[in-house]
């Protein structure tokens, strides 16, 4: 697939890294020569320096025969204009744009071929807000992602000493929870993947990925960790776009305080929010945190744009007694350094956004794609098409499939029914199949496996 990516920042660079390893023809356009040089030295891609909305630059990047344009520059206007130019001059089939300003997003009729021809809108702030909201709903989870419109969820948790299943074989899940259907998709032990079998023993500090119906998630988490009470008292550090959106989404369900340094922003938040308490000050102010009883907070969320400020305020909040701390970390190099220590969950906005982009970039009928473990692994939902003669998967039991190494099927959603995978389960046409890949390099092989032959069509 020939793809033009506009913007060599964190999202554009990470997307290029994902796609360049999958035999795609990638061209990255940016105005920053240093960013382009860094990407070009690491990846097998073309780079063009210039403004991505200019027709001459798009033509130089290969827009005449490109399959897809992904506009993820820091400017909403550049992204939208690039899509307009690609549609008008080059008839580019698929155009994806990152648009941040809510003033654009509230108009659903703005993005269509008759107005601004954007096929897929990506709003990073909304993606990250939804990601954090799911983490709040499931205390103890490191990552929560949805499949089949939320009917099935994949959850990552770290197994703690004292969890009922820690030190036990996986097959005992059925004995512990006879009425709950769940499947462990993968285990990461000391950063190395383990494909689980019935006699795999869960060890302390294992990162366990499991699939279950949404209603059963909390029950499974309690088997791997000490049971945690739901969160009630939350403190958000940073009242920017993400902090504001999250507060609007959750303030009716939690006791919420927001700490924001800008007086003007505080006034804006006070006008927009109904029940949240807005405090003007620094989240790194020890006396302010103590005055606001940070030791009674169930969770402290550092959501500013400054990694260092987020890390330091999170460490301070944890030291002063906050039960859990989560922090947005934009620099990927920091994520592995801080998560699992004093900071319970490090949130990478670009990795959350990449999942939304991958869904539309993948070949075949892939409904959802999620990047896991900072991009090392991937979980996808793909629809099976064809019949037994035209498909390599339809009409075959899971045990008969030639899945790529390190790939497991976790569940199948069939007519709103969630079927946890087992060796004898036969795949039918139109099934939504959820797969876990410990090595994302095998995604292309999975795409080929699920493509129906031409005879079917």
Protein backbone atom coordinates (compact mmCIF):
# COMPACT_ATOMS: atom_id res chain seq x y z
CA UNK A 1 0.00 0.00 0.00
CA UNK A 2 1.31 3.46 -0.92
CA UNK A 3 0.78 5.82 2.02
CA UNK A 4 1.69 9.48 2.47
CA UNK A 5 2.03 10.63 6.07
CA UNK A 6 1.98 14.38 6.71
CA UNK A 7 3.74 15.20 9.96
CA UNK A 8 6.86 13.59 11.40
CA UNK A 9 5.98 14.25 15.03
CA UNK A 10 5.32 11.60 17.64
CA UNK A 11 2.14 10.25 16.03
CA UNK A 12 3.35 10.47 12.43
CA UNK A 13 6.77 9.04 13.27
CA UNK A 14 5.31 6.18 15.30
CA UNK A 15 2.82 5.35 12.54
CA UNK A 16 5.61 5.35 9.94
CA UNK A 17 7.59 2.97 12.14
CA UNK A 18 4.63 0.61 12.42
CA UNK A 19 3.85 0.57 8.72
CA UNK A 20 7.37 0.59 7.28
CA UNK A 21 7.96 -2.87 8.76
CA UNK A 22 4.94 -4.28 6.91
CA UNK A 23 6.08 -3.87 3.29
CA UNK A 24 4.24 -0.59 2.73
CA UNK A 25 5.55 2.23 0.52
CA UNK A 26 5.75 5.11 3.01
CA UNK A 27 6.52 8.77 2.34
CA UNK A 28 6.67 11.22 5.26
CA UNK A 29 6.32 14.98 4.73
CA UNK A 30 7.31 17.58 7.31
CA UNK A 31 8.81 21.07 7.50
CA UNK A 32 11.39 19.99 10.09
CA UNK A 33 14.50 18.61 8.39
CA UNK A 34 15.93 17.20 11.64
CA UNK A 35 12.85 15.09 12.30
CA UNK A 36 12.90 13.79 8.74
CA UNK A 37 16.59 12.97 8.92
CA UNK A 38 16.09 11.05 12.17
CA UNK A 39 13.23 9.01 10.67
CA UNK A 40 15.06 8.41 7.41
CA UNK A 41 18.12 7.10 9.22
CA UNK A 42 16.05 4.54 11.14
CA UNK A 43 13.40 3.46 8.63
CA UNK A 44 13.17 2.39 5.00
CA UNK A 45 10.96 5.32 3.94
CA UNK A 46 11.03 8.39 1.68
CA UNK A 47 11.04 11.84 3.27
CA UNK A 48 10.01 15.17 1.73
CA UNK A 49 10.59 18.55 3.37
CA UNK A 50 7.79 21.03 2.82
CA UNK A 51 4.24 22.04 3.73
CA UNK A 52 2.00 19.04 3.23
CA UNK A 53 -1.05 20.93 1.95
CA UNK A 54 0.81 22.38 -1.04
CA UNK A 55 -0.11 20.63 -4.33
CA UNK A 56 3.52 20.60 -5.50
CA UNK A 57 4.67 18.93 -2.28
CA UNK A 58 1.90 16.31 -2.44
CA UNK A 59 2.75 15.55 -6.06
CA UNK A 60 6.42 15.22 -5.11
CA UNK A 61 5.40 12.80 -2.35
CA UNK A 62 3.60 10.61 -4.89
CA UNK A 63 -0.03 11.69 -4.46
CA UNK A 64 -0.80 10.87 -8.12
CA UNK A 65 -1.07 7.17 -7.27
CA UNK A 66 -1.18 7.08 -3.46
CA UNK A 67 -3.69 4.77 -1.80
CA UNK A 68 -3.97 6.79 1.39
CA UNK A 69 -3.16 10.18 2.89
CA UNK A 70 -2.73 10.43 6.67
CA UNK A 71 -2.53 14.08 7.76
CA UNK A 72 -1.31 14.31 11.36
CA UNK A 73 0.57 17.61 11.45
CA UNK A 74 0.19 19.92 14.45
CA UNK A 75 -2.13 22.19 12.43
CA UNK A 76 -5.80 21.25 12.00
CA UNK A 77 -6.08 23.63 9.07
CA UNK A 78 -3.09 22.13 7.25
CA UNK A 79 -4.51 18.63 7.76
CA UNK A 80 -7.94 19.57 6.42
CA UNK A 81 -6.59 21.52 3.45
CA UNK A 82 -4.26 18.65 2.54
CA UNK A 83 -7.28 16.32 2.37
CA UNK A 84 -9.11 18.84 0.19
CA UNK A 85 -6.18 19.12 -2.21
CA UNK A 86 -5.69 15.33 -2.29
CA UNK A 87 -9.38 14.85 -3.14
CA UNK A 88 -9.65 17.62 -5.74
CA UNK A 89 -6.37 17.19 -7.60
CA UNK A 90 -5.34 13.58 -7.02
CA UNK A 91 -8.56 11.65 -6.21
CA UNK A 92 -6.80 9.96 -3.29
CA UNK A 93 -9.08 7.05 -2.20
CA UNK A 94 -8.69 7.34 1.57
CA UNK A 95 -7.98 10.53 3.49
CA UNK A 96 -7.42 10.54 7.27
CA UNK A 97 -6.99 13.77 9.23
CA UNK A 98 -6.16 14.56 12.83
CA UNK A 99 -8.42 17.38 14.00
CA UNK A 100 -8.11 18.62 17.57
CA UNK A 101 -10.27 21.75 17.84
CA UNK A 102 -13.71 20.92 19.16
CA UNK A 103 -15.08 23.92 17.21
CA UNK A 104 -14.62 21.84 14.05
CA UNK A 105 -15.73 18.53 15.52
CA UNK A 106 -19.16 19.69 16.70
CA UNK A 107 -20.28 20.10 13.08
CA UNK A 108 -20.94 16.59 11.76
CA UNK A 109 -21.89 17.93 8.32
CA UNK A 110 -18.53 19.65 7.85
CA UNK A 111 -16.59 16.55 6.84
CA UNK A 112 -17.97 15.09 3.63
CA UNK A 113 -17.03 15.17 -0.05
CA UNK A 114 -19.30 18.17 -0.64
CA UNK A 115 -17.54 20.20 2.09
CA UNK A 116 -14.17 19.08 3.53
CA UNK A 117 -13.44 15.61 2.08
CA UNK A 118 -12.06 13.78 5.13
CA UNK A 119 -12.95 10.08 5.21
CA UNK A 120 -11.75 9.42 8.77
CA UNK A 121 -11.42 11.95 11.58
CA UNK A 122 -9.00 11.30 14.42
CA UNK A 123 -9.32 13.37 17.59
CA UNK A 124 -6.35 12.48 19.84
CA UNK A 125 -7.80 14.20 22.88
CA UNK A 126 -11.04 12.22 22.63
CA UNK A 127 -9.18 8.95 22.03
CA UNK A 128 -7.00 9.51 25.12
CA UNK A 129 -9.99 10.63 27.19
CA UNK A 130 -11.86 7.41 26.39
CA UNK A 131 -8.71 5.39 27.15
CA UNK A 132 -8.33 6.98 30.61
CA UNK A 133 -12.04 6.66 31.35
CA UNK A 134 -11.85 2.88 30.84
CA UNK A 135 -8.86 2.65 33.19
CA UNK A 136 -10.83 4.50 35.86
CA UNK A 137 -13.77 2.13 35.45
CA UNK A 138 -11.55 -0.92 36.11
CA UNK A 139 -9.26 -0.41 39.14
CA UNK A 140 -6.06 -2.38 38.75
CA UNK A 141 -6.05 -2.50 34.93
CA UNK A 142 -3.00 -1.37 32.95
CA UNK A 143 -4.85 -1.23 29.64
CA UNK A 144 -8.46 -1.76 28.56
CA UNK A 145 -9.51 -1.95 24.90
CA UNK A 146 -12.91 -2.63 23.32
CA UNK A 147 -13.92 -5.06 20.60
CA UNK A 148 -17.26 -5.75 18.90
CA UNK A 149 -18.68 -2.37 19.94
CA UNK A 150 -17.79 -2.96 23.58
CA UNK A 151 -19.25 -6.45 23.92
CA UNK A 152 -15.76 -7.89 24.50
CA UNK A 153 -12.83 -6.24 26.23
CA UNK A 154 -9.14 -7.08 26.35
CA UNK A 155 -7.60 -6.13 29.68
CA UNK A 156 -3.99 -6.11 30.85
CA UNK A 157 -3.25 -6.49 34.57
CA UNK A 158 -0.13 -7.12 36.58
CA UNK A 159 -0.47 -10.23 38.73
CA UNK A 160 0.11 -9.34 42.38
CA UNK A 161 1.10 -11.48 45.34
CA UNK A 162 -2.11 -12.54 47.06
CA UNK A 163 -4.23 -12.89 43.91
CA UNK A 164 -6.26 -16.14 44.05
CA UNK A 165 -4.80 -17.43 40.76
CA UNK A 166 -1.19 -16.33 41.28
CA UNK A 167 0.94 -19.46 41.59
CA UNK A 168 -1.85 -21.56 40.05
CA UNK A 169 -2.30 -23.14 36.62
CA UNK A 170 -4.47 -21.30 34.12
CA UNK A 171 -6.87 -24.21 33.79
CA UNK A 172 -7.98 -23.49 37.36
CA UNK A 173 -9.71 -20.30 36.23
CA UNK A 174 -12.69 -22.47 35.35
CA UNK A 175 -12.76 -23.93 38.87
CA UNK A 176 -12.47 -20.52 40.51
CA UNK A 177 -15.08 -18.89 38.24
CA UNK A 178 -17.38 -21.60 36.82
CA UNK A 179 -19.92 -19.03 35.57
CA UNK A 180 -17.46 -16.65 33.90
CA UNK A 181 -16.07 -17.16 30.41
CA UNK A 182 -12.58 -15.75 29.98
CA UNK A 183 -9.46 -16.58 28.01
CA UNK A 184 -5.90 -15.52 28.71
CA UNK A 185 -4.53 -14.31 25.36
CA UNK A 186 -0.90 -13.80 26.39
CA UNK A 187 1.42 -13.35 29.34
CA UNK A 188 4.48 -11.11 29.39
CA UNK A 189 7.05 -12.22 31.95
CA UNK A 190 10.13 -10.04 32.43
CA UNK A 191 9.18 -8.36 29.12
CA UNK A 192 9.17 -11.65 27.18
CA UNK A 193 5.94 -13.10 25.74
CA UNK A 194 4.56 -16.47 26.83
CA UNK A 195 1.75 -18.12 24.86
CA UNK A 196 -0.41 -19.60 27.60
CA UNK A 197 -1.57 -23.21 27.86
CA UNK A 198 -3.70 -24.89 30.48
CA UNK A 199 -0.68 -25.80 32.61
CA UNK A 200 0.95 -22.35 32.47
CA UNK A 201 1.47 -21.08 36.01
CA UNK A 202 0.88 -17.37 36.68
CA UNK A 203 3.74 -15.74 38.55
CA UNK A 204 3.93 -12.55 40.58
CA UNK A 205 4.54 -9.49 38.33
CA UNK A 206 3.36 -11.26 35.17
CA UNK A 207 1.55 -8.89 32.81
CA UNK A 208 -1.55 -10.88 31.89
CA UNK A 209 -3.78 -10.06 28.89
CA UNK A 210 -7.21 -11.63 29.04
CA UNK A 211 -10.43 -11.42 27.03
CA UNK A 212 -13.89 -11.52 28.55
CA UNK A 213 -17.37 -10.11 28.09
CA UNK A 214 -17.60 -6.60 29.53
CA UNK A 215 -19.79 -7.71 32.43
CA UNK A 216 -17.16 -10.24 33.59
CA UNK A 217 -14.05 -8.05 33.51
CA UNK A 218 -14.00 -7.04 37.18
CA UNK A 219 -14.49 -10.63 38.31
CA UNK A 220 -11.45 -11.78 36.32
CA UNK A 221 -9.28 -8.88 37.55
CA UNK A 222 -10.04 -9.88 41.15
CA UNK A 223 -8.61 -13.35 40.45
CA UNK A 224 -5.23 -11.91 39.47
CA UNK A 225 -4.91 -9.11 42.01
CA UNK A 226 -6.03 -8.23 45.48
CA UNK A 227 -9.60 -6.94 45.16
CA UNK A 228 -9.69 -3.16 44.92
CA UNK A 229 -12.60 -0.91 45.76
CA UNK A 230 -13.98 1.28 43.01
CA UNK A 231 -12.53 4.75 42.76
CA UNK A 232 -14.58 7.56 44.31
CA UNK A 233 -12.30 10.56 44.91
CA UNK A 234 -10.27 11.77 41.94
CA UNK A 235 -7.79 14.62 41.46
CA UNK A 236 -6.87 15.80 37.95
CA UNK A 237 -3.70 17.84 37.46
CA UNK A 238 -4.07 19.90 34.30
CA UNK A 239 -7.25 21.46 32.96
CA UNK A 240 -6.31 21.39 29.26
CA UNK A 241 -8.32 19.69 26.52
CA UNK A 242 -7.89 16.17 27.93
CA UNK A 243 -8.45 17.21 31.54
CA UNK A 244 -11.60 19.13 30.60
CA UNK A 245 -13.05 16.34 28.44
CA UNK A 246 -12.37 13.73 31.10
CA UNK A 247 -13.93 15.90 33.81
CA UNK A 248 -17.06 16.42 31.72
CA UNK A 249 -17.34 12.67 31.15
CA UNK A 250 -16.94 11.54 34.76
CA UNK A 251 -17.88 14.38 37.13
CA UNK A 252 -21.40 13.05 37.69
CA UNK A 253 -20.04 9.74 39.01
CA UNK A 254 -17.04 10.78 41.12
CA UNK A 255 -15.93 13.38 43.65
CA UNK A 256 -13.62 15.38 41.40
CA UNK A 257 -11.06 18.14 41.87
CA UNK A 258 -9.03 19.80 39.10
CA UNK A 259 -5.77 21.65 39.71
CA UNK A 260 -4.91 24.17 36.96
CA UNK A 261 -2.21 26.86 36.99
CA UNK A 262 -3.86 29.33 34.57
CA UNK A 263 -6.44 31.67 36.18
CA UNK A 264 -8.19 32.17 32.81
CA UNK A 265 -8.41 28.43 32.25
CA UNK A 266 -9.77 27.96 35.77
CA UNK A 267 -12.58 30.42 35.04
CA UNK A 268 -13.35 28.56 31.81
CA UNK A 269 -13.48 25.21 33.63
CA UNK A 270 -15.69 26.62 36.38
CA UNK A 271 -18.17 27.81 33.77
CA UNK A 272 -18.18 24.51 31.87
CA UNK A 273 -18.29 21.99 34.72
CA UNK A 274 -21.22 21.33 37.05
CA UNK A 275 -19.92 19.64 40.19
CA UNK A 276 -16.11 19.43 39.90
CA UNK A 277 -14.06 21.64 42.24
CA UNK A 278 -11.57 23.78 40.28
CA UNK A 279 -8.41 24.88 42.10
CA UNK A 280 -5.91 27.43 40.79
CA UNK A 281 -2.33 26.43 41.59
CA UNK A 282 0.52 24.05 40.85
CA UNK A 283 0.06 20.28 41.10
CA UNK A 284 3.65 20.14 42.37
CA UNK A 285 2.82 22.38 45.34
CA UNK A 286 3.17 20.10 48.34
CA UNK A 287 1.17 22.38 50.64
CA UNK A 288 -1.72 22.65 48.16
CA UNK A 289 -1.90 18.88 47.80
CA UNK A 290 -1.86 18.40 51.56
CA UNK A 291 -4.54 21.08 52.06
CA UNK A 292 -6.73 19.27 49.54
CA UNK A 293 -6.28 15.93 51.38
CA UNK A 294 -4.37 14.16 48.64
CA UNK A 295 -3.91 11.23 51.03
CA UNK A 296 -7.65 10.56 50.70
CA UNK A 297 -7.60 10.56 46.88
CA UNK A 298 -8.27 7.21 45.22
CA UNK A 299 -6.50 8.30 42.05
CA UNK A 300 -4.31 11.24 40.97
CA UNK A 301 -4.20 11.87 37.21
CA UNK A 302 -1.41 14.07 35.80
CA UNK A 303 -2.71 15.21 32.40
CA UNK A 304 -0.65 18.27 31.45
CA UNK A 305 1.44 18.55 28.26
CA UNK A 306 4.71 18.54 30.23
CA UNK A 307 6.16 15.07 30.86
CA UNK A 308 8.52 16.21 33.60
CA UNK A 309 5.76 18.12 35.41
CA UNK A 310 3.47 15.07 35.16
CA UNK A 311 6.12 12.71 36.51
CA UNK A 312 7.15 14.94 39.40
CA UNK A 313 3.59 15.78 40.49
CA UNK A 314 2.66 12.08 40.30
CA UNK A 315 5.64 11.07 42.42
CA UNK A 316 4.79 13.78 44.95
CA UNK A 317 1.11 12.77 45.10
CA UNK A 318 2.05 9.11 45.64
CA UNK A 319 4.55 10.06 48.35
CA UNK A 320 1.85 12.10 50.10
CA UNK A 321 -0.55 9.14 50.17
CA UNK A 322 -2.61 9.03 46.95
CA UNK A 323 -3.81 5.46 46.45
CA UNK A 324 -3.06 5.33 42.70
CA UNK A 325 -1.36 7.69 40.26
CA UNK A 326 -1.63 7.80 36.47
CA UNK A 327 0.39 10.09 34.25
CA UNK A 328 0.40 11.08 30.60
CA UNK A 329 3.91 10.49 29.21
CA UNK A 330 4.54 11.76 25.67
CA UNK A 331 8.17 10.62 25.45
CA UNK A 332 8.12 6.86 24.72
CA UNK A 333 11.55 6.46 26.32
CA UNK A 334 10.10 7.50 29.67
CA UNK A 335 7.15 5.10 29.70
CA UNK A 336 9.02 1.91 30.56
CA UNK A 337 11.19 3.81 33.05
CA UNK A 338 8.33 5.00 35.23
CA UNK A 339 5.42 2.54 34.88
CA UNK A 340 5.08 -0.04 37.61
CA UNK A 341 7.17 1.87 40.15
CA UNK A 342 5.78 4.86 41.99
CA UNK A 343 3.64 5.65 38.94
CA UNK A 344 1.02 2.93 38.55
CA UNK A 345 0.01 3.59 34.93
CA UNK A 346 1.91 5.61 32.31
CA UNK A 347 -0.36 6.67 29.45
CA UNK A 348 1.18 7.17 26.00
CA UNK A 349 -1.13 9.43 23.92
CA UNK A 350 0.54 8.56 20.63
CA UNK A 351 0.16 4.82 21.19
CA UNK A 352 -3.54 5.27 22.00
CA UNK A 353 -3.96 7.34 18.84
CA UNK A 354 -1.99 4.87 16.71
CA UNK A 355 -4.61 2.20 17.45
CA UNK A 356 -7.30 4.39 15.87
CA UNK A 357 -5.15 4.96 12.81
CA UNK A 358 -4.18 1.30 12.39
CA UNK A 359 -7.84 0.30 12.18
CA UNK A 360 -8.15 2.22 8.92
CA UNK A 361 -4.72 1.44 7.52
CA UNK A 362 -4.86 -2.34 7.82
CA UNK A 363 -5.74 -4.40 4.75
CA UNK A 364 -8.72 -6.70 4.66
CA UNK A 365 -11.91 -6.30 6.68
CA UNK A 366 -10.29 -5.31 9.97
CA UNK A 367 -12.83 -3.60 12.24
CA UNK A 368 -10.55 -2.64 15.12
CA UNK A 369 -6.82 -2.63 15.80
CA UNK A 370 -5.12 -1.82 19.09
CA UNK A 371 -1.43 -1.30 19.71
CA UNK A 372 -0.28 -2.97 22.95
CA UNK A 373 2.84 -2.86 25.08
CA UNK A 374 4.11 0.36 23.50
CA UNK A 375 3.74 -1.04 19.99
CA UNK A 376 5.41 -4.43 20.44
CA UNK A 377 2.15 -6.39 20.31
CA UNK A 378 -1.19 -5.87 18.63
CA UNK A 379 -4.78 -7.01 19.02
CA UNK A 380 -7.12 -6.94 16.05
CA UNK A 381 -10.76 -7.72 15.25
CA UNK A 382 -11.24 -9.09 11.73
CA UNK A 383 -14.36 -10.30 9.92
CA UNK A 384 -14.22 -13.74 8.30
CA UNK A 385 -15.62 -13.83 4.75
CA UNK A 386 -16.26 -16.51 2.15
CA UNK A 387 -17.07 -20.18 2.44
CA UNK A 388 -15.01 -23.31 3.04
CA UNK A 389 -13.84 -23.41 -0.59
CA UNK A 390 -12.79 -19.76 -0.89
CA UNK A 391 -11.52 -19.02 2.62
CA UNK A 392 -8.61 -20.38 4.62
CA UNK A 393 -10.51 -19.94 7.91
CA UNK A 394 -14.28 -20.31 7.32
CA UNK A 395 -15.56 -23.81 8.02
CA UNK A 396 -12.40 -24.77 9.92
CA UNK A 397 -11.87 -25.36 13.62
CA UNK A 398 -9.39 -23.08 15.35
CA UNK A 399 -7.01 -26.01 15.85
CA UNK A 400 -6.86 -26.46 12.05
CA UNK A 401 -5.79 -22.89 11.27
CA UNK A 402 -2.21 -22.14 10.28
CA UNK A 403 -1.82 -19.08 12.46
CA UNK A 404 1.47 -17.15 12.33
CA UNK A 405 3.89 -17.79 15.18
CA UNK A 406 2.93 -15.99 18.37
CA UNK A 407 -0.69 -15.45 17.26
CA UNK A 408 -3.69 -16.63 19.26
CA UNK A 409 -7.44 -16.34 18.74
CA UNK A 410 -9.08 -15.12 21.91
CA UNK A 411 -12.76 -14.93 21.04
CA UNK A 412 -15.34 -14.90 18.28
CA UNK A 413 -18.41 -12.66 18.22
CA UNK A 414 -21.25 -14.25 16.27
CA UNK A 415 -24.63 -12.50 15.99
CA UNK A 416 -24.05 -10.62 19.28
CA UNK A 417 -22.95 -13.83 21.05
CA UNK A 418 -19.46 -13.88 22.58
CA UNK A 419 -17.76 -17.26 22.08
CA UNK A 420 -14.45 -17.70 23.91
CA UNK A 421 -12.00 -19.58 21.70
CA UNK A 422 -11.30 -23.30 22.05
CA UNK A 423 -9.66 -25.77 19.68
CA UNK A 424 -12.97 -27.23 18.47
CA UNK A 425 -14.73 -23.94 17.75
CA UNK A 426 -15.49 -23.67 13.99
CA UNK A 427 -15.31 -20.25 12.32
CA UNK A 428 -18.35 -19.24 10.27
CA UNK A 429 -18.72 -16.54 7.64
CA UNK A 430 -19.28 -13.02 9.08
CA UNK A 431 -17.79 -14.03 12.43
CA UNK A 432 -15.84 -11.26 14.14
CA UNK A 433 -12.58 -12.92 15.16
CA UNK A 434 -10.40 -11.31 17.85
CA UNK A 435 -6.70 -12.13 17.65
CA UNK A 436 -3.70 -11.30 19.82
CA UNK A 437 -0.27 -11.01 18.18
CA UNK A 438 2.78 -10.87 20.42
CA UNK A 439 4.79 -9.78 17.36
CA UNK A 440 3.07 -7.12 15.26
CA UNK A 441 5.31 -8.03 12.30
CA UNK A 442 2.91 -10.93 11.68
CA UNK A 443 -0.10 -8.68 11.04
CA UNK A 444 0.33 -8.93 7.28
CA UNK A 445 0.25 -12.75 7.47
CA UNK A 446 -2.99 -12.57 9.46
CA UNK A 447 -4.49 -10.23 6.87
CA UNK A 448 -3.63 -12.69 4.10
CA UNK A 449 -5.03 -15.61 6.08
CA UNK A 450 -8.44 -13.94 6.42
CA UNK A 451 -8.73 -12.72 2.83
CA UNK A 452 -11.34 -14.65 0.87
CA UNK A 453 -10.34 -15.95 -2.56
CA UNK A 454 -11.54 -14.26 -5.75
CA UNK A 455 -13.80 -17.23 -6.48
CA UNK A 456 -16.04 -16.18 -3.58
CA UNK A 457 -16.70 -12.77 -5.08
